[in-house]
Amino acid sequence: EEQKKQDERIRQRTHEIELMHRLANMLAACNNMVEAQKIVS
């Protein structure tokens, strides 16, 4: 059970890191606030 929880936590943290990476990349590619609004939403 703890291993599953740990695996889930690792999966969740990995997913969050990937989302952070996507957020940074997408915001860096934005040209205006309208596009930034779509990304953060």
PDB file of all heavy atoms in Angstrom:
ATOM      1  N   GLU A   1       0.831  -1.208   0.000  1.00  0.00           N
ATOM      2  CA  GLU A   1       0.000   0.000   0.000  1.00  0.00           C
ATOM      3  C   GLU A   1       0.867   1.261   0.000  1.00  0.00           C
ATOM      4  O   GLU A   1       0.614   2.201  -0.771  1.00  0.00           O
ATOM      5  CB  GLU A   1      -0.914  -0.022   1.224  1.00  0.00           C
ATOM      6  CG  GLU A   1      -1.866   1.166   1.303  1.00  0.00           C
ATOM      7  CD  GLU A   1      -2.751   1.105   2.534  1.00  0.00           C
ATOM      8  OE1 GLU A   1      -2.727   0.077   3.237  1.00  0.00           O
ATOM      9  OE2 GLU A   1      -3.442   2.103   2.797  1.00  0.00           O
ATOM     10  N   GLU A   2       1.897   1.244   0.871  1.00  0.00           N
ATOM     11  CA  GLU A   2       2.803   2.400   0.907  1.00  0.00           C
ATOM     12  C   GLU A   2       3.561   2.539  -0.402  1.00  0.00           C
ATOM     13  O   GLU A   2       3.815   3.653  -0.863  1.00  0.00           O
ATOM     14  CB  GLU A   2       3.775   2.266   2.081  1.00  0.00           C
ATOM     15  CG  GLU A   2       3.152   2.452   3.445  1.00  0.00           C
ATOM     16  CD  GLU A   2       2.562   3.848   3.618  1.00  0.00           C
ATOM     17  OE1 GLU A   2       3.163   4.811   3.091  1.00  0.00           O
ATOM     18  OE2 GLU A   2       1.507   3.970   4.249  1.00  0.00           O
ATOM     19  N   GLN A   3       3.929   1.404  -0.996  1.00  0.00           N
ATOM     20  CA  GLN A   3       4.636   1.440  -2.273  1.00  0.00           C
ATOM     21  C   GLN A   3       3.751   2.029  -3.358  1.00  0.00           C
ATOM     22  O   GLN A   3       4.206   2.834  -4.190  1.00  0.00           O
ATOM     23  CB  GLN A   3       5.083   0.022  -2.660  1.00  0.00           C
ATOM     24  CG  GLN A   3       5.933  -0.051  -3.928  1.00  0.00           C
ATOM     25  CD  GLN A   3       7.253   0.638  -3.775  1.00  0.00           C
ATOM     26  OE1 GLN A   3       7.874   0.556  -2.725  1.00  0.00           O
ATOM     27  NE2 GLN A   3       7.679   1.348  -4.805  1.00  0.00           N
ATOM     28  N   LYS A   4       2.475   1.625  -3.336  1.00  0.00           N
ATOM     29  CA  LYS A   4       1.538   2.193  -4.312  1.00  0.00           C
ATOM     30  C   LYS A   4       1.379   3.696  -4.095  1.00  0.00           C
ATOM     31  O   LYS A   4       1.349   4.472  -5.055  1.00  0.00           O
ATOM     32  CB  LYS A   4       0.183   1.493  -4.201  1.00  0.00           C
ATOM     33  CG  LYS A   4       0.177   0.065  -4.717  1.00  0.00           C
ATOM     34  CD  LYS A   4      -1.195  -0.575  -4.570  1.00  0.00           C
ATOM     35  CE  LYS A   4      -1.197  -2.019  -5.067  1.00  0.00           C
ATOM     36  NZ  LYS A   4      -2.528  -2.659  -4.884  1.00  0.00           N
ATOM     37  N   LYS A   5       1.267   4.064  -2.798  1.00  0.00           N
ATOM     38  CA  LYS A   5       1.154   5.502  -2.509  1.00  0.00           C
ATOM     39  C   LYS A   5       2.410   6.246  -2.949  1.00  0.00           C
ATOM     40  O   LYS A   5       2.325   7.343  -3.524  1.00  0.00           O
ATOM     41  CB  LYS A   5       0.919   5.717  -1.016  1.00  0.00           C
ATOM     42  CG  LYS A   5      -0.448   5.272  -0.520  1.00  0.00           C
ATOM     43  CD  LYS A   5      -0.607   5.557   0.966  1.00  0.00           C
ATOM     44  CE  LYS A   5      -1.978   5.119   1.466  1.00  0.00           C
ATOM     45  NZ  LYS A   5      -2.128   5.368   2.926  1.00  0.00           N
ATOM     46  N   GLN A   6       3.570   5.622  -2.687  1.00  0.00           N
ATOM     47  CA  GLN A   6       4.824   6.262  -3.080  1.00  0.00           C
ATOM     48  C   GLN A   6       4.921   6.355  -4.592  1.00  0.00           C
ATOM     49  O   GLN A   6       5.343   7.393  -5.138  1.00  0.00           O
ATOM     50  CB  GLN A   6       6.000   5.471  -2.512  1.00  0.00           C
ATOM     51  CG  GLN A   6       7.364   6.107  -2.733  1.00  0.00           C
ATOM     52  CD  GLN A   6       7.537   7.385  -1.957  1.00  0.00           C
ATOM     53  OE1 GLN A   6       6.813   7.640  -1.011  1.00  0.00           O
ATOM     54  NE2 GLN A   6       8.469   8.216  -2.380  1.00  0.00           N
ATOM     55  N   ASP A   7       4.544   5.270  -5.275  1.00  0.00           N
ATOM     56  CA  ASP A   7       4.544   5.299  -6.749  1.00  0.00           C
ATOM     57  C   ASP A   7       3.591   6.369  -7.266  1.00  0.00           C
ATOM     58  O   ASP A   7       3.907   7.072  -8.237  1.00  0.00           O
ATOM     59  CB  ASP A   7       4.150   3.929  -7.302  1.00  0.00           C
ATOM     60  CG  ASP A   7       5.206   2.862  -7.021  1.00  0.00           C
ATOM     61  OD1 ASP A   7       6.343   3.246  -6.715  1.00  0.00           O
ATOM     62  OD2 ASP A   7       4.872   1.668  -7.098  1.00  0.00           O
ATOM     63  N   GLU A   8       2.425   6.473  -6.607  1.00  0.00           N
ATOM     64  CA  GLU A   8       1.457   7.490  -7.029  1.00  0.00           C
ATOM     65  C   GLU A   8       2.003   8.889  -6.778  1.00  0.00           C
ATOM     66  O   GLU A   8       1.835   9.797  -7.602  1.00  0.00           O
ATOM     67  CB  GLU A   8       0.127   7.285  -6.270  1.00  0.00           C
ATOM     68  CG  GLU A   8      -0.943   8.311  -6.590  1.00  0.00           C
ATOM     69  CD  GLU A   8      -1.362   8.316  -8.046  1.00  0.00           C
ATOM     70  OE1 GLU A   8      -1.178   7.286  -8.733  1.00  0.00           O
ATOM     71  OE2 GLU A   8      -1.875   9.348  -8.511  1.00  0.00           O
ATOM     72  N   ARG A   9       2.675   9.055  -5.602  1.00  0.00           N
ATOM     73  CA  ARG A   9       3.274  10.366  -5.327  1.00  0.00           C
ATOM     74  C   ARG A   9       4.364  10.693  -6.339  1.00  0.00           C
ATOM     75  O   ARG A   9       4.458  11.839  -6.818  1.00  0.00           O
ATOM     76  CB  ARG A   9       3.848  10.380  -3.906  1.00  0.00           C
ATOM     77  CG  ARG A   9       2.797  10.539  -2.819  1.00  0.00           C
ATOM     78  CD  ARG A   9       3.449  10.859  -1.482  1.00  0.00           C
ATOM     79  NE  ARG A   9       4.149   9.704  -0.937  1.00  0.00           N
ATOM     80  CZ  ARG A   9       3.625   8.850  -0.094  1.00  0.00           C
ATOM     81  NH1 ARG A   9       2.374   8.997   0.315  1.00  0.00           N
ATOM     82  NH2 ARG A   9       4.325   7.831   0.375  1.00  0.00           N
ATOM     83  N   ILE A  10       5.177   9.679  -6.663  1.00  0.00           N
ATOM     84  CA  ILE A  10       6.238   9.909  -7.655  1.00  0.00           C
ATOM     85  C   ILE A  10       5.619  10.237  -9.010  1.00  0.00           C
ATOM     86  O   ILE A  10       6.081  11.154  -9.711  1.00  0.00           O
ATOM     87  CB  ILE A  10       7.149   8.669  -7.747  1.00  0.00           C
ATOM     88  CG1 ILE A  10       7.929   8.489  -6.440  1.00  0.00           C
ATOM     89  CG2 ILE A  10       8.100   8.783  -8.930  1.00  0.00           C
ATOM     90  CD1 ILE A  10       8.731   7.210  -6.375  1.00  0.00           C
ATOM     91  N   ARG A  11       4.555   9.481  -9.372  1.00  0.00           N
ATOM     92  CA  ARG A  11       3.895   9.760 -10.646  1.00  0.00           C
ATOM     93  C   ARG A  11       3.295  11.172 -10.659  1.00  0.00           C
ATOM     94  O   ARG A  11       3.410  11.910 -11.645  1.00  0.00           O
ATOM     95  CB  ARG A  11       2.784   8.723 -10.888  1.00  0.00           C
ATOM     96  CG  ARG A  11       2.154   8.793 -12.274  1.00  0.00           C
ATOM     97  CD  ARG A  11       0.813   8.113 -12.304  1.00  0.00           C
ATOM     98  NE  ARG A  11      -0.145   8.801 -11.472  1.00  0.00           N
ATOM     99  CZ  ARG A  11      -0.763   9.920 -11.830  1.00  0.00           C
ATOM    100  NH1 ARG A  11      -0.542  10.476 -12.998  1.00  0.00           N
ATOM    101  NH2 ARG A  11      -1.638  10.478 -11.011  1.00  0.00           N
ATOM    102  N   GLN A  12       2.680  11.539  -9.521  1.00  0.00           N
ATOM    103  CA  GLN A  12       2.072  12.861  -9.429  1.00  0.00           C
ATOM    104  C   GLN A  12       3.135  13.955  -9.513  1.00  0.00           C
ATOM    105  O   GLN A  12       2.951  14.964 -10.218  1.00  0.00           O
ATOM    106  CB  GLN A  12       1.293  12.981  -8.106  1.00  0.00           C
ATOM    107  CG  GLN A  12       0.514  14.280  -7.949  1.00  0.00           C
ATOM    108  CD  GLN A  12      -0.615  14.403  -8.940  1.00  0.00           C
ATOM    109  OE1 GLN A  12      -1.116  13.401  -9.454  1.00  0.00           O
ATOM    110  NE2 GLN A  12      -1.017  15.626  -9.234  1.00  0.00           N
ATOM    111  N   ARG A  13       4.263  13.751  -8.760  1.00  0.00           N
ATOM    112  CA  ARG A  13       5.322  14.766  -8.809  1.00  0.00           C
ATOM    113  C   ARG A  13       5.919  14.853 -10.217  1.00  0.00           C
ATOM    114  O   ARG A  13       6.208  15.959 -10.703  1.00  0.00           O
ATOM    115  CB  ARG A  13       6.425  14.415  -7.803  1.00  0.00           C
ATOM    116  CG  ARG A  13       6.008  14.407  -6.351  1.00  0.00           C
ATOM    117  CD  ARG A  13       5.621  15.774  -5.807  1.00  0.00           C
ATOM    118  NE  ARG A  13       4.222  16.074  -6.019  1.00  0.00           N
ATOM    119  CZ  ARG A  13       3.249  15.610  -5.267  1.00  0.00           C
ATOM    120  NH1 ARG A  13       3.500  14.830  -4.245  1.00  0.00           N
ATOM    121  NH2 ARG A  13       1.998  15.945  -5.510  1.00  0.00           N
ATOM    122  N   THR A  14       6.106  13.685 -10.857  1.00  0.00           N
ATOM    123  CA  THR A  14       6.633  13.686 -12.226  1.00  0.00           C
ATOM    124  C   THR A  14       5.678  14.409 -13.167  1.00  0.00           C
ATOM    125  O   THR A  14       6.102  15.195 -14.030  1.00  0.00           O
ATOM    126  CB  THR A  14       6.847  12.243 -12.707  1.00  0.00           C
ATOM    127  OG1 THR A  14       7.713  11.562 -11.796  1.00  0.00           O
ATOM    128  CG2 THR A  14       7.465  12.223 -14.092  1.00  0.00           C
ATOM    129  N   HIS A  15       4.373  14.147 -12.978  1.00  0.00           N
ATOM    130  CA  HIS A  15       3.371  14.828 -13.802  1.00  0.00           C
ATOM    131  C   HIS A  15       3.398  16.334 -13.561  1.00  0.00           C
ATOM    132  O   HIS A  15       3.295  17.128 -14.513  1.00  0.00           O
ATOM    133  CB  HIS A  15       1.986  14.256 -13.469  1.00  0.00           C
ATOM    134  CG  HIS A  15       0.879  14.822 -14.301  1.00  0.00           C
ATOM    135  ND1 HIS A  15       0.787  14.648 -15.671  1.00  0.00           N
ATOM    136  CD2 HIS A  15      -0.209  15.584 -13.952  1.00  0.00           C
ATOM    137  CE1 HIS A  15      -0.280  15.263 -16.126  1.00  0.00           C
ATOM    138  NE2 HIS A  15      -0.887  15.845 -15.113  1.00  0.00           N
ATOM    139  N   GLU A  16       3.547  16.717 -12.295  1.00  0.00           N
ATOM    140  CA  GLU A  16       3.592  18.150 -11.977  1.00  0.00           C
ATOM    141  C   GLU A  16       4.832  18.811 -12.573  1.00  0.00           C
ATOM    142  O   GLU A  16       4.756  19.937 -13.076  1.00  0.00           O
ATOM    143  CB  GLU A  16       3.553  18.338 -10.466  1.00  0.00           C
ATOM    144  CG  GLU A  16       2.203  17.999  -9.839  1.00  0.00           C
ATOM    145  CD  GLU A  16       2.288  17.834  -8.334  1.00  0.00           C
ATOM    146  OE1 GLU A  16       3.425  17.940  -7.794  1.00  0.00           O
ATOM    147  OE2 GLU A  16       1.247  17.610  -7.694  1.00  0.00           O
ATOM    148  N   ILE A  17       5.971  18.091 -12.511  1.00  0.00           N
ATOM    149  CA  ILE A  17       7.195  18.634 -13.102  1.00  0.00           C
ATOM    150  C   ILE A  17       7.033  18.803 -14.606  1.00  0.00           C
ATOM    151  O   ILE A  17       7.447  19.822 -15.186  1.00  0.00           O
ATOM    152  CB  ILE A  17       8.388  17.713 -12.777  1.00  0.00           C
ATOM    153  CG1 ILE A  17       8.701  17.773 -11.275  1.00  0.00           C
ATOM    154  CG2 ILE A  17       9.613  18.104 -13.586  1.00  0.00           C
ATOM    155  CD1 ILE A  17       9.713  16.745 -10.827  1.00  0.00           C
ATOM    156  N   GLU A  18       6.407  17.811 -15.239  1.00  0.00           N
ATOM    157  CA  GLU A  18       6.167  17.900 -16.677  1.00  0.00           C
ATOM    158  C   GLU A  18       5.233  19.067 -16.998  1.00  0.00           C
ATOM    159  O   GLU A  18       5.445  19.812 -17.972  1.00  0.00           O
ATOM    160  CB  GLU A  18       5.584  16.584 -17.187  1.00  0.00           C
ATOM    161  CG  GLU A  18       5.255  16.576 -18.680  1.00  0.00           C
ATOM    162  CD  GLU A  18       6.463  16.777 -19.566  1.00  0.00           C
ATOM    163  OE1 GLU A  18       7.596  16.482 -19.120  1.00  0.00           O
ATOM    164  OE2 GLU A  18       6.280  17.259 -20.702  1.00  0.00           O
ATOM    165  N   LEU A  19       4.196  19.237 -16.167  1.00  0.00           N
ATOM    166  CA  LEU A  19       3.281  20.363 -16.383  1.00  0.00           C
ATOM    167  C   LEU A  19       4.002  21.697 -16.201  1.00  0.00           C
ATOM    168  O   LEU A  19       3.761  22.654 -16.961  1.00  0.00           O
ATOM    169  CB  LEU A  19       2.098  20.269 -15.419  1.00  0.00           C
ATOM    170  CG  LEU A  19       1.048  19.194 -15.731  1.00  0.00           C
ATOM    171  CD1 LEU A  19       0.023  19.109 -14.609  1.00  0.00           C
ATOM    172  CD2 LEU A  19       0.343  19.485 -17.054  1.00  0.00           C
ATOM    173  N   MET A  20       4.873  21.768 -15.187  1.00  0.00           N
ATOM    174  CA  MET A  20       5.662  22.991 -14.985  1.00  0.00           C
ATOM    175  C   MET A  20       6.531  23.265 -16.207  1.00  0.00           C
ATOM    176  O   MET A  20       6.650  24.418 -16.660  1.00  0.00           O
ATOM    177  CB  MET A  20       6.542  22.840 -13.743  1.00  0.00           C
ATOM    178  CG  MET A  20       5.789  22.840 -12.434  1.00  0.00           C
ATOM    179  SD  MET A  20       5.178  24.482 -11.991  1.00  0.00           S
ATOM    180  CE  MET A  20       4.579  24.117 -10.342  1.00  0.00           C
ATOM    181  N   HIS A  21       7.140  22.205 -16.722  1.00  0.00           N
ATOM    182  CA  HIS A  21       7.985  22.348 -17.911  1.00  0.00           C
ATOM    183  C   HIS A  21       7.154  22.820 -19.104  1.00  0.00           C
ATOM    184  O   HIS A  21       7.579  23.735 -19.844  1.00  0.00           O
ATOM    185  CB  HIS A  21       8.641  21.002 -18.210  1.00  0.00           C
ATOM    186  CG  HIS A  21       9.573  21.030 -19.382  1.00  0.00           C
ATOM    187  ND1 HIS A  21      10.763  21.711 -19.372  1.00  0.00           N
ATOM    188  CD2 HIS A  21       9.473  20.456 -20.616  1.00  0.00           C
ATOM    189  CE1 HIS A  21      11.369  21.564 -20.545  1.00  0.00           C
ATOM    190  NE2 HIS A  21      10.607  20.802 -21.308  1.00  0.00           N
ATOM    191  N   ARG A  22       5.976  22.227 -19.275  1.00  0.00           N
ATOM    192  CA  ARG A  22       5.106  22.648 -20.370  1.00  0.00           C
ATOM    193  C   ARG A  22       4.673  24.104 -20.188  1.00  0.00           C
ATOM    194  O   ARG A  22       4.635  24.881 -21.160  1.00  0.00           O
ATOM    195  CB  ARG A  22       3.861  21.753 -20.417  1.00  0.00           C
ATOM    196  CG  ARG A  22       4.148  20.302 -20.754  1.00  0.00           C
ATOM    197  CD  ARG A  22       4.442  20.108 -22.223  1.00  0.00           C
ATOM    198  NE  ARG A  22       4.678  18.707 -22.527  1.00  0.00           N
ATOM    199  CZ  ARG A  22       3.730  17.850 -22.901  1.00  0.00           C
ATOM    200  NH1 ARG A  22       2.487  18.269 -22.976  1.00  0.00           N
ATOM    201  NH2 ARG A  22       4.040  16.595 -23.175  1.00  0.00           N
ATOM    202  N   LEU A  23       4.326  24.459 -18.936  1.00  0.00           N
ATOM    203  CA  LEU A  23       3.899  25.831 -18.661  1.00  0.00           C
ATOM    204  C   LEU A  23       4.998  26.819 -19.025  1.00  0.00           C
ATOM    205  O   LEU A  23       4.740  27.842 -19.691  1.00  0.00           O
ATOM    206  CB  LEU A  23       3.526  25.965 -17.184  1.00  0.00           C
ATOM    207  CG  LEU A  23       3.148  27.376 -16.703  1.00  0.00           C
ATOM    208  CD1 LEU A  23       1.853  27.838 -17.355  1.00  0.00           C
ATOM    209  CD2 LEU A  23       3.010  27.401 -15.183  1.00  0.00           C
ATOM    210  N   ALA A  24       6.232  26.536 -18.590  1.00  0.00           N
ATOM    211  CA  ALA A  24       7.347  27.434 -18.880  1.00  0.00           C
ATOM    212  C   ALA A  24       7.585  27.546 -20.384  1.00  0.00           C
ATOM    213  O   ALA A  24       7.781  28.651 -20.915  1.00  0.00           O
ATOM    214  CB  ALA A  24       8.609  26.947 -18.168  1.00  0.00           C
ATOM    215  N   ASN A  25       7.559  26.396 -21.082  1.00  0.00           N
ATOM    216  CA  ASN A  25       7.801  26.418 -22.531  1.00  0.00           C
ATOM    217  C   ASN A  25       6.702  27.163 -23.279  1.00  0.00           C
ATOM    218  O   ASN A  25       6.975  27.958 -24.187  1.00  0.00           O
ATOM    219  CB  ASN A  25       7.911  24.994 -23.059  1.00  0.00           C
ATOM    220  CG  ASN A  25       9.218  24.337 -22.679  1.00  0.00           C
ATOM    221  OD1 ASN A  25      10.171  25.011 -22.293  1.00  0.00           O
ATOM    222  ND2 ASN A  25       9.281  23.017 -22.762  1.00  0.00           N
ATOM    223  N   MET A  26       5.439  26.893 -22.886  1.00  0.00           N
ATOM    224  CA  MET A  26       4.326  27.538 -23.591  1.00  0.00           C
ATOM    225  C   MET A  26       4.302  29.044 -23.326  1.00  0.00           C
ATOM    226  O   MET A  26       4.041  29.841 -24.229  1.00  0.00           O
ATOM    227  CB  MET A  26       2.999  26.905 -23.169  1.00  0.00           C
ATOM    228  CG  MET A  26       2.849  25.456 -23.577  1.00  0.00           C
ATOM    229  SD  MET A  26       3.007  25.180 -25.347  1.00  0.00           S
ATOM    230  CE  MET A  26       1.555  26.050 -25.959  1.00  0.00           C
ATOM    231  N   LEU A  27       4.566  29.440 -22.078  1.00  0.00           N
ATOM    232  CA  LEU A  27       4.597  30.878 -21.780  1.00  0.00           C
ATOM    233  C   LEU A  27       5.740  31.566 -22.514  1.00  0.00           C
ATOM    234  O   LEU A  27       5.598  32.714 -22.952  1.00  0.00           O
ATOM    235  CB  LEU A  27       4.726  31.091 -20.275  1.00  0.00           C
ATOM    236  CG  LEU A  27       3.476  30.790 -19.435  1.00  0.00           C
ATOM    237  CD1 LEU A  27       3.791  30.927 -17.954  1.00  0.00           C
ATOM    238  CD2 LEU A  27       2.314  31.718 -19.811  1.00  0.00           C
ATOM    239  N   ALA A  28       6.869  30.865 -22.634  1.00  0.00           N
ATOM    240  CA  ALA A  28       8.005  31.455 -23.353  1.00  0.00           C
ATOM    241  C   ALA A  28       7.697  31.635 -24.832  1.00  0.00           C
ATOM    242  O   ALA A  28       8.262  32.521 -25.489  1.00  0.00           O
ATOM    243  CB  ALA A  28       9.243  30.574 -23.179  1.00  0.00           C
ATOM    244  N   ALA A  29       6.769  30.816 -25.356  1.00  0.00           N
ATOM    245  CA  ALA A  29       6.417  30.907 -26.778  1.00  0.00           C
ATOM    246  C   ALA A  29       5.270  31.881 -27.037  1.00  0.00           C
ATOM    247  O   ALA A  29       4.896  32.097 -28.188  1.00  0.00           O
ATOM    248  CB  ALA A  29       6.043  29.521 -27.310  1.00  0.00           C
ATOM    249  N   CYS A  30       4.699  32.459 -25.972  1.00  0.00           N
ATOM    250  CA  CYS A  30       3.564  33.381 -26.143  1.00  0.00           C
ATOM    251  C   CYS A  30       4.004  34.675 -26.814  1.00  0.00           C
ATOM    252  O   CYS A  30       5.122  35.160 -26.610  1.00  0.00           O
ATOM    253  CB  CYS A  30       2.938  33.721 -24.785  1.00  0.00           C
ATOM    254  SG  CYS A  30       1.953  32.404 -24.103  1.00  0.00           S
ATOM    255  N   ASN A  31       3.075  35.249 -27.585  1.00  0.00           N
ATOM    256  CA  ASN A  31       3.316  36.551 -28.198  1.00  0.00           C
ATOM    257  C   ASN A  31       2.566  37.671 -27.506  1.00  0.00           C
ATOM    258  O   ASN A  31       2.906  38.842 -27.669  1.00  0.00           O
ATOM    259  CB  ASN A  31       2.920  36.529 -29.682  1.00  0.00           C
ATOM    260  CG  ASN A  31       3.858  35.676 -30.510  1.00  0.00           C
ATOM    261  OD1 ASN A  31       5.059  35.645 -30.257  1.00  0.00           O
ATOM    262  ND2 ASN A  31       3.312  34.975 -31.496  1.00  0.00           N
ATOM    263  N   ASN A  32       1.505  37.328 -26.751  1.00  0.00           N
ATOM    264  CA  ASN A  32       0.710  38.363 -26.093  1.00  0.00           C
ATOM    265  C   ASN A  32      -0.025  37.759 -24.906  1.00  0.00           C
ATOM    266  O   ASN A  32       0.012  36.546 -24.675  1.00  0.00           O
ATOM    267  CB  ASN A  32      -0.280  39.000 -27.084  1.00  0.00           C
ATOM    268  CG  ASN A  32      -1.070  37.945 -27.853  1.00  0.00           C
ATOM    269  OD1 ASN A  32      -1.734  37.099 -27.257  1.00  0.00           O
ATOM    270  ND2 ASN A  32      -0.963  37.976 -29.178  1.00  0.00           N
ATOM    271  N   MET A  33      -0.722  38.629 -24.170  1.00  0.00           N
ATOM    272  CA  MET A  33      -1.438  38.201 -22.972  1.00  0.00           C
ATOM    273  C   MET A  33      -2.638  37.323 -23.300  1.00  0.00           C
ATOM    274  O   MET A  33      -3.068  36.521 -22.479  1.00  0.00           O
ATOM    275  CB  MET A  33      -1.902  39.425 -22.171  1.00  0.00           C
ATOM    276  CG  MET A  33      -0.799  40.093 -21.390  1.00  0.00           C
ATOM    277  SD  MET A  33      -0.222  39.016 -20.065  1.00  0.00           S
ATOM    278  CE  MET A  33       1.124  40.019 -19.431  1.00  0.00           C
ATOM    279  N   VAL A  34      -3.199  37.471 -24.473  1.00  0.00           N
ATOM    280  CA  VAL A  34      -4.340  36.641 -24.866  1.00  0.00           C
ATOM    281  C   VAL A  34      -3.911  35.180 -24.925  1.00  0.00           C
ATOM    282  O   VAL A  34      -4.593  34.285 -24.405  1.00  0.00           O
ATOM    283  CB  VAL A  34      -4.911  37.107 -26.222  1.00  0.00           C
ATOM    284  CG1 VAL A  34      -6.030  36.175 -26.676  1.00  0.00           C
ATOM    285  CG2 VAL A  34      -5.429  38.534 -26.112  1.00  0.00           C
ATOM    286  N   GLU A  35      -2.755  34.931 -25.520  1.00  0.00           N
ATOM    287  CA  GLU A  35      -2.251  33.559 -25.582  1.00  0.00           C
ATOM    288  C   GLU A  35      -1.861  33.067 -24.181  1.00  0.00           C
ATOM    289  O   GLU A  35      -2.099  31.905 -23.840  1.00  0.00           O
ATOM    290  CB  GLU A  35      -1.047  33.498 -26.517  1.00  0.00           C
ATOM    291  CG  GLU A  35      -1.392  33.756 -27.970  1.00  0.00           C
ATOM    292  CD  GLU A  35      -0.185  33.696 -28.880  1.00  0.00           C
ATOM    293  OE1 GLU A  35       0.945  33.652 -28.368  1.00  0.00           O
ATOM    294  OE2 GLU A  35      -0.368  33.687 -30.112  1.00  0.00           O
ATOM    295  N   ALA A  36      -1.285  33.962 -23.382  1.00  0.00           N
ATOM    296  CA  ALA A  36      -0.926  33.576 -22.011  1.00  0.00           C
ATOM    297  C   ALA A  36      -2.167  33.199 -21.213  1.00  0.00           C
ATOM    298  O   ALA A  36      -2.141  32.269 -20.400  1.00  0.00           O
ATOM    299  CB  ALA A  36      -0.177  34.719 -21.326  1.00  0.00           C
ATOM    300  N   GLN A  37      -3.278  33.914 -21.412  1.00  0.00           N
ATOM    301  CA  GLN A  37      -4.525  33.603 -20.723  1.00  0.00           C
ATOM    302  C   GLN A  37      -5.013  32.200 -21.082  1.00  0.00           C
ATOM    303  O   GLN A  37      -5.452  31.434 -20.217  1.00  0.00           O
ATOM    304  CB  GLN A  37      -5.582  34.645 -21.090  1.00  0.00           C
ATOM    305  CG  GLN A  37      -6.984  34.346 -20.592  1.00  0.00           C
ATOM    306  CD  GLN A  37      -7.062  34.325 -19.078  1.00  0.00           C
ATOM    307  OE1 GLN A  37      -6.663  35.265 -18.430  1.00  0.00           O
ATOM    308  NE2 GLN A  37      -7.589  33.246 -18.510  1.00  0.00           N
ATOM    309  N   LYS A  38      -4.925  31.846 -22.352  1.00  0.00           N
ATOM    310  CA  LYS A  38      -5.342  30.505 -22.770  1.00  0.00           C
ATOM    311  C   LYS A  38      -4.478  29.432 -22.113  1.00  0.00           C
ATOM    312  O   LYS A  38      -4.977  28.387 -21.693  1.00  0.00           O
ATOM    313  CB  LYS A  38      -5.258  30.387 -24.290  1.00  0.00           C
ATOM    314  CG  LYS A  38      -6.256  31.266 -25.045  1.00  0.00           C
ATOM    315  CD  LYS A  38      -6.090  31.089 -26.540  1.00  0.00           C
ATOM    316  CE  LYS A  38      -7.078  31.963 -27.310  1.00  0.00           C
ATOM    317  NZ  LYS A  38      -6.907  31.828 -28.774  1.00  0.00           N
ATOM    318  N   ILE A  39      -3.202  29.702 -22.013  1.00  0.00           N
ATOM    319  CA  ILE A  39      -2.275  28.709 -21.456  1.00  0.00           C
ATOM    320  C   ILE A  39      -2.533  28.502 -19.974  1.00  0.00           C
ATOM    321  O   ILE A  39      -2.649  27.365 -19.489  1.00  0.00           O
ATOM    322  CB  ILE A  39      -0.823  29.142 -21.721  1.00  0.00           C
ATOM    323  CG1 ILE A  39      -0.525  29.039 -23.222  1.00  0.00           C
ATOM    324  CG2 ILE A  39       0.150  28.278 -20.923  1.00  0.00           C
ATOM    325  CD1 ILE A  39       0.775  29.671 -23.619  1.00  0.00           C
ATOM    326  N   VAL A  40      -2.619  29.596 -19.207  1.00  0.00           N
ATOM    327  CA  VAL A  40      -2.826  29.438 -17.758  1.00  0.00           C
ATOM    328  C   VAL A  40      -4.198  28.848 -17.465  1.00  0.00           C
ATOM    329  O   VAL A  40      -4.367  28.088 -16.506  1.00  0.00           O
ATOM    330  CB  VAL A  40      -2.631  30.783 -17.016  1.00  0.00           C
ATOM    331  CG1 VAL A  40      -1.233  31.312 -17.221  1.00  0.00           C
ATOM    332  CG2 VAL A  40      -3.657  31.811 -17.426  1.00  0.00           C
ATOM    333  N   SER A  41      -5.202  29.173 -18.274  1.00  0.00           N
ATOM    334  CA  SER A  41      -6.535  28.604 -18.057  1.00  0.00           C
ATOM    335  C   SER A  41      -6.546  27.104 -18.276  1.00  0.00           C
ATOM    336  O   SER A  41      -7.335  26.381 -17.661  1.00  0.00           O
ATOM    337  CB  SER A  41      -7.553  29.266 -18.997  1.00  0.00           C
ATOM    338  OG  SER A  41      -7.661  30.645 -18.729  1.00  0.00           O
TER     339      SER A  41
END
